[in-house]
Amino acid sequence: MKNLFILSAFVLALCACEQTDIRTKAANIIYNNCTKSGEDQQWCRCLRADLIDSEKAFTEEIASYIVNGRQHPWMGPTILGARVRCECRMFPRRVAAHGLSCAGVKPIKF
């Protein structure tokens, strides 16, 4: 019974790592596409970090679509949200000039 418990704990931990890995792989694909398109590397790093940090918006389902080379219907709004949050992190005065608040955007390292 003890071995069964240890085995099930190991399987759960492995599944959790697999889900995180797919989100990281997808965020790296988006980062690579961002840099290839000629955008600033710091901007692309912010997008990648935001997507990895946003588990509710950037789900495993969306990530698996990206890794498999397909477009998920919610991918556009997810990227748009990440772009707005990065704009708040990198250029808060520019966002404030448009009358928007960045109060709800938490800082992340990128």
N, C-alpha and C. Protein backbone atom coordinates (compact mmCIF):
# COMPACT_ATOMS: atom_id res chain seq x y z
N MET A 1 0.83 -1.20 0.00
CA MET A 1 0.00 0.00 0.00
C MET A 1 0.87 1.26 0.00
N LYS A 2 1.97 1.19 0.76
CA LYS A 2 2.87 2.33 0.82
C LYS A 2 3.50 2.60 -0.54
N ASN A 3 3.86 1.54 -1.25
CA ASN A 3 4.44 1.68 -2.58
C ASN A 3 3.43 2.28 -3.56
N LEU A 4 2.17 1.91 -3.42
CA LEU A 4 1.12 2.46 -4.28
C LEU A 4 0.96 3.96 -4.05
N PHE A 5 1.02 4.37 -2.79
CA PHE A 5 0.92 5.79 -2.46
C PHE A 5 2.10 6.57 -3.05
N ILE A 6 3.29 6.04 -2.91
CA ILE A 6 4.49 6.69 -3.44
C ILE A 6 4.41 6.77 -4.96
N LEU A 7 3.97 5.70 -5.60
CA LEU A 7 3.85 5.69 -7.04
C LEU A 7 2.82 6.71 -7.52
N SER A 8 1.68 6.80 -6.85
CA SER A 8 0.66 7.76 -7.26
C SER A 8 1.13 9.20 -7.05
N ALA A 9 1.88 9.46 -5.98
CA ALA A 9 2.44 10.80 -5.76
C ALA A 9 3.44 11.15 -6.86
N PHE A 10 4.23 10.18 -7.26
CA PHE A 10 5.21 10.39 -8.33
C PHE A 10 4.51 10.68 -9.66
N VAL A 11 3.45 9.95 -9.96
CA VAL A 11 2.71 10.16 -11.21
C VAL A 11 2.06 11.54 -11.22
N LEU A 12 1.48 11.97 -10.11
CA LEU A 12 0.87 13.30 -10.03
C LEU A 12 1.91 14.39 -10.23
N ALA A 13 3.06 14.24 -9.62
CA ALA A 13 4.13 15.23 -9.78
C ALA A 13 4.61 15.26 -11.23
N LEU A 14 4.73 14.12 -11.85
CA LEU A 14 5.16 14.05 -13.24
C LEU A 14 4.14 14.71 -14.17
N CYS A 15 2.86 14.50 -13.92
CA CYS A 15 1.81 15.14 -14.73
C CYS A 15 1.85 16.65 -14.57
N ALA A 16 2.06 17.12 -13.37
CA ALA A 16 2.13 18.57 -13.13
C ALA A 16 3.31 19.18 -13.87
N CYS A 17 4.44 18.50 -13.88
CA CYS A 17 5.61 18.99 -14.60
C CYS A 17 5.35 19.01 -16.10
N GLU A 18 4.67 18.00 -16.61
CA GLU A 18 4.37 17.92 -18.04
C GLU A 18 3.50 19.09 -18.46
N GLN A 19 2.50 19.46 -17.66
CA GLN A 19 1.63 20.56 -18.00
C GLN A 19 2.40 21.88 -18.00
N THR A 20 3.27 22.08 -17.05
CA THR A 20 4.08 23.29 -17.00
C THR A 20 5.02 23.33 -18.19
N ASP A 21 5.57 22.19 -18.56
CA ASP A 21 6.50 22.14 -19.69
C ASP A 21 5.84 22.55 -20.99
N ILE A 22 4.60 22.15 -21.22
CA ILE A 22 3.94 22.49 -22.47
C ILE A 22 3.66 23.99 -22.54
N ARG A 23 3.33 24.60 -21.42
CA ARG A 23 3.12 26.05 -21.41
C ARG A 23 4.44 26.78 -21.67
N THR A 24 5.53 26.27 -21.11
CA THR A 24 6.85 26.87 -21.33
C THR A 24 7.27 26.70 -22.79
N LYS A 25 7.04 25.52 -23.36
CA LYS A 25 7.37 25.30 -24.77
C LYS A 25 6.59 26.25 -25.67
N ALA A 26 5.31 26.40 -25.40
CA ALA A 26 4.48 27.29 -26.22
C ALA A 26 4.92 28.74 -26.06
N ALA A 27 5.24 29.15 -24.84
CA ALA A 27 5.71 30.52 -24.62
C ALA A 27 7.03 30.76 -25.34
N ASN A 28 7.89 29.75 -25.39
CA ASN A 28 9.15 29.87 -26.13
C ASN A 28 8.92 29.97 -27.64
N ILE A 29 7.92 29.26 -28.14
CA ILE A 29 7.58 29.36 -29.56
C ILE A 29 7.11 30.78 -29.87
N ILE A 30 6.27 31.33 -29.01
CA ILE A 30 5.79 32.70 -29.20
C ILE A 30 6.96 33.68 -29.12
N TYR A 31 7.87 33.45 -28.17
CA TYR A 31 9.06 34.30 -28.05
C TYR A 31 9.89 34.26 -29.33
N ASN A 32 10.13 33.08 -29.85
CA ASN A 32 10.93 32.94 -31.08
C ASN A 32 10.26 33.65 -32.26
N ASN A 33 8.94 33.51 -32.37
CA ASN A 33 8.22 34.20 -33.44
C ASN A 33 8.28 35.71 -33.25
N CYS A 34 8.23 36.15 -32.02
CA CYS A 34 8.29 37.57 -31.70
C CYS A 34 9.64 38.16 -32.11
N THR A 35 10.72 37.49 -31.76
CA THR A 35 12.05 38.00 -32.11
C THR A 35 12.30 37.92 -33.61
N LYS A 36 11.78 36.88 -34.26
CA LYS A 36 11.94 36.76 -35.72
C LYS A 36 11.21 37.88 -36.45
N SER A 37 10.12 38.36 -35.86
CA SER A 37 9.35 39.43 -36.52
C SER A 37 10.03 40.79 -36.36
N GLY A 38 11.12 40.84 -35.59
CA GLY A 38 11.88 42.07 -35.46
C GLY A 38 11.52 42.92 -34.26
N GLU A 39 10.68 42.40 -33.37
CA GLU A 39 10.34 43.17 -32.17
C GLU A 39 11.51 43.16 -31.19
N ASP A 40 11.50 44.13 -30.31
CA ASP A 40 12.55 44.29 -29.31
C ASP A 40 12.63 43.05 -28.43
N GLN A 41 13.86 42.60 -28.13
CA GLN A 41 14.03 41.38 -27.32
C GLN A 41 13.44 41.53 -25.93
N GLN A 42 13.58 42.70 -25.34
CA GLN A 42 13.02 42.89 -24.00
C GLN A 42 11.51 42.76 -24.04
N TRP A 43 10.89 43.29 -25.07
CA TRP A 43 9.44 43.18 -25.24
C TRP A 43 9.05 41.71 -25.37
N CYS A 44 9.77 40.97 -26.18
CA CYS A 44 9.48 39.55 -26.39
C CYS A 44 9.69 38.75 -25.10
N ARG A 45 10.72 39.10 -24.33
CA ARG A 45 10.94 38.43 -23.04
C ARG A 45 9.80 38.70 -22.09
N CYS A 46 9.29 39.93 -22.11
CA CYS A 46 8.15 40.27 -21.25
C CYS A 46 6.93 39.45 -21.64
N LEU A 47 6.67 39.32 -22.94
CA LEU A 47 5.53 38.50 -23.39
C LEU A 47 5.67 37.06 -22.92
N ARG A 48 6.86 36.49 -23.09
CA ARG A 48 7.09 35.11 -22.67
C ARG A 48 6.88 34.95 -21.17
N ALA A 49 7.45 35.85 -20.39
CA ALA A 49 7.32 35.77 -18.93
C ALA A 49 5.86 35.94 -18.50
N ASP A 50 5.14 36.84 -19.15
CA ASP A 50 3.74 37.06 -18.80
C ASP A 50 2.91 35.83 -19.12
N LEU A 51 3.13 35.22 -20.26
CA LEU A 51 2.36 34.03 -20.62
C LEU A 51 2.64 32.87 -19.66
N ILE A 52 3.88 32.70 -19.29
CA ILE A 52 4.20 31.63 -18.34
C ILE A 52 3.57 31.92 -16.98
N ASP A 53 3.52 33.19 -16.61
CA ASP A 53 2.96 33.59 -15.31
C ASP A 53 1.43 33.54 -15.30
N SER A 54 0.79 33.68 -16.45
CA SER A 54 -0.68 33.78 -16.54
C SER A 54 -1.31 32.41 -16.77
N GLU A 55 -1.41 31.63 -15.72
CA GLU A 55 -1.95 30.28 -15.85
C GLU A 55 -3.42 30.28 -16.22
N LYS A 56 -4.17 31.27 -15.74
CA LYS A 56 -5.61 31.30 -16.03
C LYS A 56 -5.88 31.68 -17.47
N ALA A 57 -5.12 32.62 -18.02
CA ALA A 57 -5.34 33.07 -19.39
C ALA A 57 -4.64 32.16 -20.40
N PHE A 58 -3.42 31.75 -20.09
CA PHE A 58 -2.63 30.92 -21.00
C PHE A 58 -2.68 29.48 -20.50
N THR A 59 -3.72 28.79 -20.88
CA THR A 59 -3.99 27.45 -20.36
C THR A 59 -3.17 26.39 -21.09
N GLU A 60 -3.17 25.19 -20.53
CA GLU A 60 -2.49 24.07 -21.17
C GLU A 60 -3.13 23.74 -22.51
N GLU A 61 -4.44 23.95 -22.60
CA GLU A 61 -5.15 23.69 -23.86
C GLU A 61 -4.65 24.61 -24.97
N ILE A 62 -4.56 25.91 -24.67
CA ILE A 62 -4.05 26.87 -25.65
C ILE A 62 -2.61 26.52 -26.00
N ALA A 63 -1.81 26.20 -24.99
CA ALA A 63 -0.41 25.87 -25.21
C ALA A 63 -0.25 24.64 -26.09
N SER A 64 -1.07 23.62 -25.89
CA SER A 64 -0.96 22.41 -26.71
C SER A 64 -1.31 22.70 -28.16
N TYR A 65 -2.25 23.59 -28.41
CA TYR A 65 -2.56 24.00 -29.78
C TYR A 65 -1.32 24.62 -30.43
N ILE A 66 -0.65 25.52 -29.69
CA ILE A 66 0.51 26.22 -30.23
C ILE A 66 1.65 25.24 -30.51
N VAL A 67 1.92 24.35 -29.57
CA VAL A 67 3.00 23.38 -29.73
C VAL A 67 2.73 22.48 -30.93
N ASN A 68 1.46 22.19 -31.19
CA ASN A 68 1.09 21.33 -32.33
C ASN A 68 0.91 22.13 -33.62
N GLY A 69 1.22 23.42 -33.59
CA GLY A 69 1.17 24.23 -34.81
C GLY A 69 -0.21 24.67 -35.23
N ARG A 70 -1.15 24.69 -34.29
CA ARG A 70 -2.52 25.10 -34.61
C ARG A 70 -2.86 26.38 -33.88
N GLN A 71 -3.93 27.03 -34.30
CA GLN A 71 -4.37 28.30 -33.70
C GLN A 71 -5.60 28.06 -32.85
N HIS A 72 -5.52 28.37 -31.56
CA HIS A 72 -6.65 28.25 -30.65
C HIS A 72 -7.50 29.51 -30.77
N PRO A 73 -8.84 29.40 -30.67
CA PRO A 73 -9.69 30.58 -30.81
C PRO A 73 -9.41 31.67 -29.77
N TRP A 74 -8.90 31.31 -28.60
CA TRP A 74 -8.66 32.30 -27.55
C TRP A 74 -7.23 32.81 -27.56
N MET A 75 -6.43 32.41 -28.55
CA MET A 75 -5.04 32.82 -28.57
C MET A 75 -4.90 34.32 -28.79
N GLY A 76 -5.68 34.89 -29.67
CA GLY A 76 -5.62 36.34 -29.93
C GLY A 76 -5.85 37.17 -28.68
N PRO A 77 -6.96 36.93 -27.95
CA PRO A 77 -7.18 37.69 -26.72
C PRO A 77 -6.12 37.44 -25.65
N THR A 78 -5.57 36.23 -25.61
CA THR A 78 -4.52 35.93 -24.64
C THR A 78 -3.26 36.74 -24.92
N ILE A 79 -2.86 36.80 -26.18
CA ILE A 79 -1.68 37.58 -26.55
C ILE A 79 -1.94 39.06 -26.35
N LEU A 80 -3.14 39.53 -26.70
CA LEU A 80 -3.49 40.94 -26.51
C LEU A 80 -3.40 41.33 -25.03
N GLY A 81 -3.90 40.48 -24.16
CA GLY A 81 -3.81 40.74 -22.72
C GLY A 81 -2.37 40.80 -22.24
N ALA A 82 -1.54 39.89 -22.75
CA ALA A 82 -0.12 39.89 -22.38
C ALA A 82 0.56 41.15 -22.88
N ARG A 83 0.20 41.60 -24.07
CA ARG A 83 0.79 42.83 -24.62
C ARG A 83 0.41 44.05 -23.79
N VAL A 84 -0.84 44.11 -23.36
CA VAL A 84 -1.28 45.25 -22.54
C VAL A 84 -0.56 45.25 -21.20
N ARG A 85 -0.45 44.07 -20.58
CA ARG A 85 0.26 43.99 -19.30
C ARG A 85 1.73 44.35 -19.46
N CYS A 86 2.36 43.92 -20.57
CA CYS A 86 3.76 44.28 -20.81
C CYS A 86 3.89 45.78 -21.06
N GLU A 87 2.95 46.35 -21.74
CA GLU A 87 2.96 47.80 -21.95
C GLU A 87 2.90 48.52 -20.60
N CYS A 88 2.10 48.01 -19.69
CA CYS A 88 2.03 48.59 -18.34
C CYS A 88 3.35 48.43 -17.59
N ARG A 89 3.99 47.28 -17.76
CA ARG A 89 5.24 47.04 -17.05
C ARG A 89 6.39 47.87 -17.62
N MET A 90 6.42 48.02 -18.91
CA MET A 90 7.55 48.68 -19.55
C MET A 90 7.35 50.19 -19.76
N PHE A 91 6.13 50.58 -20.07
CA PHE A 91 5.84 51.98 -20.37
C PHE A 91 4.57 52.45 -19.66
N PRO A 92 4.56 52.49 -18.33
CA PRO A 92 3.33 52.84 -17.62
C PRO A 92 2.84 54.27 -17.91
N ARG A 93 3.77 55.18 -18.20
CA ARG A 93 3.35 56.56 -18.51
C ARG A 93 2.59 56.61 -19.83
N ARG A 94 3.01 55.82 -20.77
CA ARG A 94 2.32 55.78 -22.06
C ARG A 94 0.89 55.27 -21.89
N VAL A 95 0.73 54.28 -21.05
CA VAL A 95 -0.61 53.73 -20.79
C VAL A 95 -1.45 54.77 -20.05
N ALA A 96 -0.84 55.44 -19.07
CA ALA A 96 -1.55 56.47 -18.31
C ALA A 96 -1.96 57.64 -19.20
N ALA A 97 -1.17 57.94 -20.22
CA ALA A 97 -1.50 59.03 -21.13
C ALA A 97 -2.79 58.76 -21.90
N HIS A 98 -3.14 57.49 -22.02
CA HIS A 98 -4.40 57.12 -22.67
C HIS A 98 -5.55 56.98 -21.67
N GLY A 99 -5.30 57.36 -20.43
CA GLY A 99 -6.33 57.32 -19.40
C GLY A 99 -6.58 55.95 -18.81
N LEU A 100 -5.63 55.05 -18.97
CA LEU A 100 -5.79 53.70 -18.42
C LEU A 100 -4.91 53.53 -17.19
N SER A 101 -5.32 52.64 -16.31
CA SER A 101 -4.57 52.39 -15.08
C SER A 101 -3.85 51.05 -15.17
N CYS A 102 -2.65 51.03 -14.62
CA CYS A 102 -1.87 49.79 -14.55
C CYS A 102 -1.84 49.25 -13.12
N ALA A 103 -2.77 49.70 -12.30
CA ALA A 103 -2.75 49.35 -10.88
C ALA A 103 -2.87 47.83 -10.66
N GLY A 104 -3.61 47.12 -11.48
CA GLY A 104 -3.82 45.69 -11.27
C GLY A 104 -2.75 44.80 -11.86
N VAL A 105 -1.77 45.38 -12.52
CA VAL A 105 -0.72 44.58 -13.19
C VAL A 105 0.43 44.36 -12.23
N LYS A 106 0.68 43.10 -11.92
CA LYS A 106 1.77 42.79 -10.98
C LYS A 106 3.11 42.75 -11.71
N PRO A 107 4.16 43.18 -11.05
CA PRO A 107 5.48 43.12 -11.70
C PRO A 107 5.97 41.68 -11.77
N ILE A 108 6.69 41.37 -12.84
CA ILE A 108 7.34 40.07 -12.99
C ILE A 108 8.74 40.32 -13.54
N LYS A 109 9.61 39.34 -13.34
CA LYS A 109 10.97 39.45 -13.86
C LYS A 109 11.01 38.85 -15.26
N PHE A 110 11.63 39.58 -16.17
CA PHE A 110 11.74 39.08 -17.53
C PHE A 110 13.06 39.40 -18.12
